[in-house]
Amino acid sequence: MKALGKVALVGLALLNACAPVLSVPVPRDIPSTFENPSTPSLLPGESPPAGAELQFKTDFSKHTVPYSEVFSGGVPKDGIPALDAPRFVSVSEAEAWLEIVEPVILVRVGYDVRAYPIQTLIWHEIVNDTVGGEPLLVTFCPLCNTAIAFKRTVGGQVLDFGTTGRLRFSNLIMYDRQTETWWQQATGEALAGELTGTQLEFLPATIISWGDFKTSYPQGKVLSRTTGYARPYGRNPYLGYDDVNNPPFLYDGPPTPNQLPPMARVLTIDLNGEAVAYPYETLAKVGVVNDTVGDEALVIIWQVGTASPLDSSTTASGRDVGAAAAFLPTVNGQLLTFTANEGIIKDAETGSTWNISGLAFRGPLAGTQLSPVVAINHFWFSWAAFKPETKIYQP
């Protein structure tokens, strides 16, 4: 890793088309990932991670992973503060401080569409929110490049989440404030505590550019930079981290399968017992993929124009790494086949033109929204640590 990148990480430890009309809400019943977890086998007693018993009331006698796999990220419990009362502004207000290519996390439930700028999430990692009446948890782990949303209602109880200051396989470990159970961000599984073995339900959360968000959803809401915390929003504390030639930071997990460089960006899908990773490098060449995962027909759409938030000194000035998203390709019972030609995505059946948000903005289906599928951005090392049996898509 570049020396400057290491310094920045330690510093953190110390502290296009015409706008379419959205004609239908996004269905709530959408394919999810890491479904139907098996009943966990509780591991024999061992000492909790160093210092954990002084900070947490967690029942550390219940756990499903060896505590030797848990490392300190250099900050204490809530040292990276979650946002518990997020404020939102309009697209026009956010224009004053967001750049066209800047990455945001798109989350939508019904007609409620929201953008969570990574320039804010990179400093907080967790937002406890309610979207479309659904209590949600919106998360971002910079070390794994994972933007993931979950329902935060478990057994009829709404949970609030914070950061433990610990990592496993370089991935964020969260905790809920009601039971102080520890949760793995990458999988949504409870690792230690009262709710050990419980699985959070995933919802789609897609990293796209600010320009693509505001074009697709001009009436959407944007997470405000008025958070109650003094942070240099817009600056990147992980300078140079995502250089594909770098090793992962604070990673001490299984050896990464060598089909891809550890820091290669992939879009990952796990459905009905089948896991597939779509390398960004491949997606950039083909533009669109019509595929089947776990017997479910899918379309994966690629689009240029989204900056890496982990590359340069600001989250908006990084190199263009593009964006990828996955959808169900069926509209009104008709299975669509998609093609890409010089960056223009069309379906062969109607000739309608589509964008990275899964919205048709021209043609017979203009205004139609494809149903999103849970598809998560990862660095290859991160996904492979949790799903080593993953297939890598090849055209």
Protein backbone atom coordinates (compact mmCIF):
# COMPACT_ATOMS: atom_id res chain seq x y z
CA MET A 1 0.00 0.00 0.00
CA LYS A 2 1.14 3.54 -0.71
CA ALA A 3 2.64 5.18 2.37
CA LEU A 4 0.31 8.16 2.03
CA GLY A 5 -2.66 5.81 2.07
CA LYS A 6 -1.47 4.23 5.33
CA VAL A 7 -1.06 7.65 6.93
CA ALA A 8 -4.58 8.59 5.90
CA LEU A 9 -5.99 5.39 7.38
CA VAL A 10 -4.25 5.96 10.69
CA GLY A 11 -5.54 9.53 10.66
CA LEU A 12 -9.09 8.24 10.34
CA ALA A 13 -8.57 5.93 13.27
CA LEU A 14 -7.73 8.97 15.31
CA LEU A 15 -10.56 10.88 15.00
CA ASN A 16 -27.61 10.01 -19.17
CA ALA A 17 -30.58 10.88 -20.71
CA CYS A 18 -33.72 12.89 -20.10
CA ALA A 19 -35.23 12.60 -16.67
CA PRO A 20 -37.77 9.77 -16.73
CA VAL A 21 -41.02 9.74 -14.84
CA LEU A 22 -41.21 7.00 -12.22
CA SER A 23 -44.54 5.42 -13.03
CA VAL A 24 -44.60 2.52 -10.58
CA PRO A 25 -43.13 1.89 -7.14
CA VAL A 26 -40.38 -0.66 -6.76
CA PRO A 27 -41.86 -3.98 -5.59
CA ARG A 28 -40.94 -4.94 -2.05
CA ASP A 29 -40.60 -8.66 -2.79
CA ILE A 30 -37.20 -8.82 -4.46
CA PRO A 31 -34.54 -11.53 -4.58
CA SER A 32 -32.17 -11.23 -1.67
CA THR A 33 -28.76 -12.60 -0.82
CA PHE A 34 -27.45 -14.91 1.92
CA GLU A 35 -30.96 -16.36 2.25
CA ASN A 36 -32.01 -19.11 4.65
CA PRO A 37 -28.96 -19.28 6.90
CA SER A 38 -28.39 -22.59 8.63
CA THR A 39 -28.71 -22.92 12.38
CA PRO A 40 -25.36 -21.84 13.82
CA SER A 41 -23.14 -24.10 15.84
CA LEU A 42 -22.01 -22.17 18.90
CA LEU A 43 -18.28 -22.36 19.36
CA PRO A 44 -16.72 -23.42 22.67
CA GLY A 45 -15.89 -20.68 25.12
CA GLU A 46 -12.86 -18.52 24.45
CA SER A 47 -11.75 -15.06 25.47
CA PRO A 48 -13.63 -12.19 23.79
CA PRO A 49 -11.65 -9.70 21.68
CA ALA A 50 -9.27 -7.59 23.77
CA GLY A 51 -11.06 -4.78 25.59
CA ALA A 52 -14.49 -5.78 24.35
CA GLU A 53 -15.90 -6.71 27.76
CA LEU A 54 -15.01 -3.24 29.07
CA GLN A 55 -16.98 -1.52 26.30
CA PHE A 56 -19.89 -3.89 25.63
CA LYS A 57 -22.56 -5.77 27.57
CA THR A 58 -22.58 -8.42 24.85
CA ASP A 59 -23.03 -12.06 25.85
CA PHE A 60 -19.69 -13.16 24.39
CA SER A 61 -20.28 -16.79 25.43
CA LYS A 62 -22.49 -17.06 22.32
CA HIS A 63 -20.57 -16.73 19.05
CA THR A 64 -20.24 -18.43 15.68
CA VAL A 65 -16.77 -17.28 14.61
CA PRO A 66 -13.39 -17.60 16.33
CA TYR A 67 -12.56 -14.39 18.18
CA SER A 68 -9.04 -14.74 16.81
CA GLU A 69 -10.51 -13.53 13.49
CA VAL A 70 -11.63 -10.21 15.04
CA PHE A 71 -9.22 -7.27 14.94
CA SER A 72 -9.33 -3.72 16.21
CA GLY A 73 -9.77 -1.11 13.50
CA GLY A 74 -7.95 1.43 15.65
CA VAL A 75 -11.06 3.11 17.06
CA PRO A 76 -13.23 2.28 20.10
CA LYS A 77 -16.93 1.51 20.23
CA ASP A 78 -18.77 4.27 18.32
CA GLY A 79 -15.42 5.90 17.52
CA ILE A 80 -16.85 6.16 14.01
CA PRO A 81 -20.28 7.60 14.90
CA ALA A 82 -23.41 6.27 13.23
CA LEU A 83 -26.09 8.73 12.11
CA ASP A 84 -29.23 8.18 14.15
CA ALA A 85 -31.34 11.19 13.15
CA PRO A 86 -30.42 11.72 9.50
CA ARG A 87 -31.62 14.88 7.78
CA PHE A 88 -32.41 15.07 4.09
CA VAL A 89 -32.42 17.84 1.52
CA SER A 90 -33.76 18.17 -1.99
CA VAL A 91 -31.81 17.41 -5.14
CA SER A 92 -31.56 21.12 -5.92
CA GLU A 93 -30.09 21.87 -2.47
CA ALA A 94 -27.55 19.05 -2.74
CA GLU A 95 -26.37 20.40 -6.09
CA ALA A 96 -24.36 23.00 -4.17
CA TRP A 97 -21.92 20.41 -2.79
CA LEU A 98 -22.12 17.24 -4.90
CA GLU A 99 -20.18 16.74 -8.15
CA ILE A 100 -21.70 15.00 -11.18
CA VAL A 101 -19.39 11.95 -10.97
CA GLU A 102 -19.45 11.67 -7.19
CA PRO A 103 -20.68 8.28 -5.88
CA VAL A 104 -23.90 8.01 -3.88
CA ILE A 105 -25.75 5.00 -2.52
CA LEU A 106 -29.22 4.65 -4.06
CA VAL A 107 -31.90 3.14 -1.80
CA ARG A 108 -35.60 3.11 -2.63
CA VAL A 109 -38.68 1.62 -1.01
CA GLY A 110 -41.89 2.22 -2.88
CA TYR A 111 -41.93 5.84 -4.03
CA ASP A 112 -39.42 6.92 -1.36
CA VAL A 113 -36.07 7.29 -3.16
CA ARG A 114 -32.93 8.43 -1.32
CA ALA A 115 -29.28 9.12 -2.03
CA TYR A 116 -26.64 8.64 0.65
CA PRO A 117 -23.45 10.36 -0.56
CA ILE A 118 -20.36 8.30 0.12
CA GLN A 119 -18.58 11.53 1.05
CA THR A 120 -20.71 11.40 4.22
CA LEU A 121 -20.94 7.62 4.73
CA ILE A 122 -17.16 7.27 4.52
CA TRP A 123 -16.99 9.13 7.88
CA HIS A 124 -19.98 7.45 9.58
CA GLU A 125 -20.39 3.99 7.94
CA ILE A 126 -23.91 3.51 9.38
CA VAL A 127 -27.20 5.39 8.98
CA ASN A 128 -30.23 4.31 11.00
CA ASP A 129 -33.11 5.49 8.84
CA THR A 130 -36.72 4.84 7.85
CA VAL A 131 -37.46 4.70 4.11
CA GLY A 132 -40.96 4.27 2.74
CA GLY A 133 -42.11 3.49 6.28
CA GLU A 134 -39.54 0.68 6.60
CA PRO A 135 -36.87 0.99 9.32
CA LEU A 136 -33.61 0.51 7.43
CA LEU A 137 -29.91 0.31 8.10
CA VAL A 138 -27.74 1.83 5.35
CA THR A 139 -24.06 0.93 5.67
CA PHE A 140 -20.75 1.48 3.90
CA CYS A 141 -17.46 -0.26 4.73
CA PRO A 142 -14.63 1.66 3.02
CA LEU A 143 -12.07 -1.13 3.44
CA CYS A 144 -14.27 -3.54 1.46
CA ASN A 145 -16.10 -1.01 -0.76
CA THR A 146 -19.40 -2.50 0.40
CA ALA A 147 -22.60 -0.44 0.38
CA ILE A 148 -25.33 -2.59 1.93
CA ALA A 149 -28.87 -1.88 3.19
CA PHE A 150 -30.80 -4.05 5.63
CA LYS A 151 -34.16 -4.07 7.33
CA ARG A 152 -33.47 -3.37 10.99
CA THR A 153 -36.58 -5.00 12.40
CA VAL A 154 -35.71 -8.33 14.03
CA GLY A 155 -38.34 -10.46 15.75
CA GLY A 156 -40.76 -7.53 15.75
CA GLN A 157 -38.23 -5.20 17.42
CA VAL A 158 -36.63 -2.25 15.63
CA LEU A 159 -32.90 -2.22 16.32
CA ASP A 160 -30.49 0.72 16.20
CA PHE A 161 -26.93 0.05 15.09
CA GLY A 162 -23.49 1.45 15.80
CA THR A 163 -19.87 0.61 15.01
CA THR A 164 -17.88 -1.72 17.26
CA GLY A 165 -14.49 -0.43 16.09
CA ARG A 166 -13.65 -4.01 15.15
CA LEU A 167 -13.12 -5.75 11.84
CA ARG A 168 -13.25 -9.31 10.58
CA PHE A 169 -11.60 -9.99 7.22
CA SER A 170 -11.24 -6.18 6.98
CA ASN A 171 -15.02 -5.89 7.10
CA LEU A 172 -17.04 -3.71 9.45
CA ILE A 173 -18.50 -5.37 12.54
CA MET A 174 -21.61 -3.55 13.76
CA TYR A 175 -23.58 -3.90 16.98
CA ASP A 176 -27.18 -3.23 17.88
CA ARG A 177 -27.83 -1.01 20.88
CA GLN A 178 -30.78 -3.02 22.17
CA THR A 179 -28.94 -6.32 22.79
CA GLU A 180 -25.35 -5.32 21.94
CA THR A 181 -25.13 -8.30 19.61
CA TRP A 182 -22.28 -8.03 17.08
CA TRP A 183 -23.14 -8.24 13.36
CA GLN A 184 -21.02 -8.76 10.22
CA GLN A 185 -21.74 -6.06 7.65
CA ALA A 186 -20.83 -8.18 4.61
CA THR A 187 -23.24 -11.00 5.47
CA GLY A 188 -25.80 -9.39 7.78
CA GLU A 189 -25.31 -12.24 10.26
CA ALA A 190 -25.12 -11.91 14.03
CA LEU A 191 -21.71 -13.20 15.12
CA ALA A 192 -21.75 -12.83 18.88
CA GLY A 193 -24.26 -12.09 21.59
CA GLU A 194 -27.91 -12.72 22.36
CA LEU A 195 -29.03 -12.80 18.71
CA THR A 196 -26.15 -14.96 17.47
CA GLY A 197 -27.06 -16.68 14.19
CA THR A 198 -29.85 -14.25 13.33
CA GLN A 199 -29.85 -12.98 9.74
CA LEU A 200 -30.72 -9.42 8.76
CA GLU A 201 -32.81 -9.06 5.62
CA PHE A 202 -31.06 -7.36 2.71
CA LEU A 203 -32.52 -4.63 0.52
CA PRO A 204 -30.99 -3.35 -2.73
CA ALA A 205 -28.45 -0.54 -2.33
CA THR A 206 -26.60 0.54 -5.46
CA ILE A 207 -23.57 2.80 -5.86
CA ILE A 208 -24.18 5.17 -8.78
CA SER A 209 -23.06 8.69 -9.66
CA TRP A 210 -24.76 11.79 -8.34
CA GLY A 211 -25.46 12.79 -11.94
CA ASP A 212 -27.28 9.52 -12.61
CA PHE A 213 -29.29 9.82 -9.40
CA LYS A 214 -30.51 13.35 -9.99
CA THR A 215 -31.39 12.57 -13.62
CA SER A 216 -33.40 9.48 -12.69
CA TYR A 217 -34.99 10.83 -9.49
CA PRO A 218 -35.20 14.65 -9.54
CA GLN A 219 -37.71 14.49 -6.67
CA GLY A 220 -35.52 12.22 -4.55
CA LYS A 221 -34.10 12.99 -1.12
CA VAL A 222 -30.41 13.41 -0.33
CA LEU A 223 -28.68 12.80 3.01
CA SER A 224 -27.67 16.20 4.36
CA ARG A 225 -24.18 17.15 5.46
CA THR A 226 -25.78 18.71 8.53
CA THR A 227 -25.13 15.71 10.75
CA GLY A 228 -24.24 17.23 14.11
CA TYR A 229 -20.62 16.15 13.62
CA ALA A 230 -17.63 18.15 12.44
CA ARG A 231 -16.13 16.09 9.62
CA PRO A 232 -14.35 17.18 6.42
CA TYR A 233 -17.10 15.82 4.16
CA GLY A 234 -15.85 15.45 0.62
CA ARG A 235 -12.31 14.54 1.65
CA ASN A 236 -11.09 10.97 1.28
CA PRO A 237 -9.24 9.64 4.37
CA TYR A 238 -8.27 6.45 2.46
CA LEU A 239 -6.10 8.09 -0.18
CA GLY A 240 -4.94 5.59 -2.80
CA TYR A 241 -6.43 2.60 -0.98
CA ASP A 242 -8.16 1.04 -3.98
CA ASP A 243 -5.10 0.74 -6.19
CA VAL A 244 -5.58 -2.74 -7.66
CA ASN A 245 -1.92 -3.47 -6.93
CA ASN A 246 -2.33 -2.79 -3.20
CA PRO A 247 -2.91 -5.49 -0.60
CA PRO A 248 -6.03 -5.18 1.58
CA PHE A 249 -5.57 -3.23 4.81
CA LEU A 250 -5.92 -5.05 8.16
CA TYR A 251 -6.81 -8.28 6.35
CA ASP A 252 -5.88 -11.56 8.02
CA GLY A 253 -8.33 -13.99 6.49
CA PRO A 254 -8.34 -16.93 4.10
CA PRO A 255 -6.01 -16.66 1.09
CA THR A 256 -7.82 -14.86 -1.74
CA PRO A 257 -8.50 -17.07 -4.80
CA ASN A 258 -6.13 -15.89 -7.50
CA GLN A 259 -8.63 -15.67 -10.38
CA LEU A 260 -8.72 -11.90 -9.72
CA PRO A 261 -6.47 -9.41 -7.92
CA PRO A 262 -7.57 -9.04 -4.27
CA MET A 263 -8.55 -5.38 -4.81
CA ALA A 264 -10.46 -5.95 -8.06
CA ARG A 265 -13.96 -4.48 -7.99
CA VAL A 266 -16.79 -6.99 -8.42
CA LEU A 267 -20.57 -6.87 -8.37
CA THR A 268 -21.76 -9.89 -6.40
CA ILE A 269 -25.07 -11.76 -6.45
CA ASP A 270 -26.05 -14.71 -4.25
CA LEU A 271 -29.40 -16.33 -5.06
CA ASN A 272 -30.87 -19.71 -4.22
CA GLY A 273 -27.54 -21.25 -3.33
CA GLU A 274 -25.57 -19.88 -6.29
CA ALA A 275 -23.07 -17.02 -5.96
CA VAL A 276 -21.62 -15.14 -8.93
CA ALA A 277 -19.14 -12.27 -9.10
CA TYR A 278 -19.13 -9.92 -12.08
CA PRO A 279 -15.75 -8.19 -12.41
CA TYR A 280 -16.02 -4.48 -13.17
CA GLU A 281 -13.27 -4.90 -15.74
CA THR A 282 -15.43 -7.39 -17.63
CA LEU A 283 -18.62 -5.36 -17.27
CA ALA A 284 -16.86 -2.30 -18.68
CA LYS A 285 -16.16 -4.28 -21.87
CA VAL A 286 -19.59 -5.85 -22.41
CA GLY A 287 -21.90 -3.12 -21.04
CA VAL A 288 -24.76 -5.47 -20.20
CA VAL A 289 -25.11 -9.12 -19.13
CA ASN A 290 -28.24 -11.25 -19.50
CA ASP A 291 -27.72 -14.07 -17.05
CA THR A 292 -29.38 -16.59 -14.76
CA VAL A 293 -28.35 -17.01 -11.12
CA GLY A 294 -30.04 -19.57 -8.90
CA ASP A 295 -32.59 -20.20 -11.68
CA GLU A 296 -33.54 -16.50 -11.61
CA ALA A 297 -33.26 -14.51 -14.85
CA LEU A 298 -31.30 -11.29 -14.29
CA VAL A 299 -29.85 -8.39 -16.21
CA ILE A 300 -26.68 -6.62 -15.04
CA ILE A 301 -26.25 -3.10 -16.39
CA TRP A 302 -22.96 -1.21 -16.55
CA GLN A 303 -22.42 2.52 -17.04
CA VAL A 304 -19.37 4.79 -17.04
CA GLY A 305 -19.19 8.05 -15.10
CA THR A 306 -18.85 7.20 -11.40
CA ALA A 307 -15.69 8.23 -9.54
CA SER A 308 -13.85 6.03 -7.06
CA PRO A 309 -14.23 7.62 -3.60
CA LEU A 310 -11.07 5.85 -2.39
CA ASP A 311 -8.59 6.94 -5.04
CA SER A 312 -7.82 10.65 -4.80
CA SER A 313 -7.81 13.35 -2.14
CA THR A 314 -11.56 13.95 -2.50
CA THR A 315 -14.43 11.54 -3.03
CA ALA A 316 -15.36 13.33 -6.26
CA SER A 317 -11.92 13.50 -7.92
CA GLY A 318 -11.06 9.80 -8.14
CA ARG A 319 -10.67 7.92 -11.39
CA ASP A 320 -13.78 6.73 -13.24
CA VAL A 321 -14.55 3.17 -12.09
CA GLY A 322 -18.10 3.07 -13.47
CA ALA A 323 -21.22 1.66 -11.86
CA ALA A 324 -23.06 -1.64 -12.05
CA ALA A 325 -26.52 -2.76 -10.94
CA ALA A 326 -28.72 -5.85 -11.32
CA PHE A 327 -32.44 -6.16 -12.03
CA LEU A 328 -35.20 -8.62 -12.85
CA PRO A 329 -35.64 -8.30 -16.63
CA THR A 330 -39.38 -8.98 -16.70
CA VAL A 331 -41.97 -6.25 -17.36
CA ASN A 332 -45.70 -7.05 -17.35
CA GLY A 333 -44.91 -10.74 -17.68
CA GLN A 334 -42.57 -10.25 -20.63
CA LEU A 335 -38.95 -11.33 -20.38
CA LEU A 336 -36.71 -8.68 -21.92
CA THR A 337 -33.30 -9.20 -23.49
CA PHE A 338 -30.89 -6.29 -23.16
CA THR A 339 -28.08 -5.10 -25.40
CA ALA A 340 -25.40 -2.42 -25.11
CA ASN A 341 -24.11 -0.37 -28.01
CA GLU A 342 -21.65 2.47 -27.33
CA GLY A 343 -23.02 2.84 -23.81
CA ILE A 344 -26.70 2.85 -24.85
CA ILE A 345 -28.75 0.10 -23.17
CA LYS A 346 -31.84 -1.13 -25.02
CA ASP A 347 -34.16 -4.10 -24.81
CA ALA A 348 -34.58 -6.12 -27.99
CA GLU A 349 -38.29 -6.70 -27.52
CA THR A 350 -39.55 -3.08 -27.43
CA GLY A 351 -36.50 -0.99 -28.32
CA SER A 352 -36.86 1.03 -25.13
CA THR A 353 -33.73 2.70 -23.75
CA TRP A 354 -32.68 2.13 -20.12
CA ASN A 355 -30.25 3.61 -17.61
CA ILE A 356 -28.18 2.38 -14.66
CA SER A 357 -31.13 2.94 -12.30
CA GLY A 358 -33.19 0.37 -14.20
CA LEU A 359 -35.47 3.08 -15.59
CA ALA A 360 -36.67 3.24 -19.19
CA PHE A 361 -36.45 6.84 -20.38
CA ARG A 362 -37.25 6.45 -24.08
CA GLY A 363 -39.45 4.16 -26.12
CA PRO A 364 -42.68 2.22 -25.47
CA LEU A 365 -41.71 1.40 -21.87
CA ALA A 366 -40.61 4.95 -20.92
CA GLY A 367 -41.19 5.53 -17.21
CA THR A 368 -41.06 1.82 -16.33
CA GLN A 369 -38.90 0.77 -13.38
CA LEU A 370 -37.22 -2.64 -13.35
CA SER A 371 -37.26 -4.41 -9.99
CA PRO A 372 -33.77 -4.27 -8.44
CA VAL A 373 -31.97 -7.32 -7.14
CA VAL A 374 -29.65 -7.33 -4.13
CA ALA A 375 -26.25 -7.01 -5.81
CA ILE A 376 -23.35 -5.76 -3.71
CA ASN A 377 -20.12 -4.02 -4.69
CA HIS A 378 -17.08 -5.67 -3.11
CA PHE A 379 -13.38 -5.86 -3.52
CA TRP A 380 -12.72 -9.44 -4.60
CA PHE A 381 -10.77 -10.33 -1.43
CA SER A 382 -13.75 -9.31 0.71
CA TRP A 383 -16.40 -11.29 -1.09
CA ALA A 384 -14.17 -14.34 -1.55
CA ALA A 385 -13.45 -14.46 2.19
CA PHE A 386 -17.14 -15.02 2.89
CA LYS A 387 -18.14 -16.87 -0.31
CA PRO A 388 -15.09 -18.77 -1.59
CA GLU A 389 -17.28 -21.01 -3.77
CA THR A 390 -18.31 -18.04 -5.92
CA LYS A 391 -18.29 -18.38 -9.70
CA ILE A 392 -16.67 -15.57 -11.66
CA TYR A 393 -18.66 -14.45 -14.68
CA GLN A 394 -16.93 -14.78 -18.04
CA PRO A 395 -18.63 -13.68 -21.29
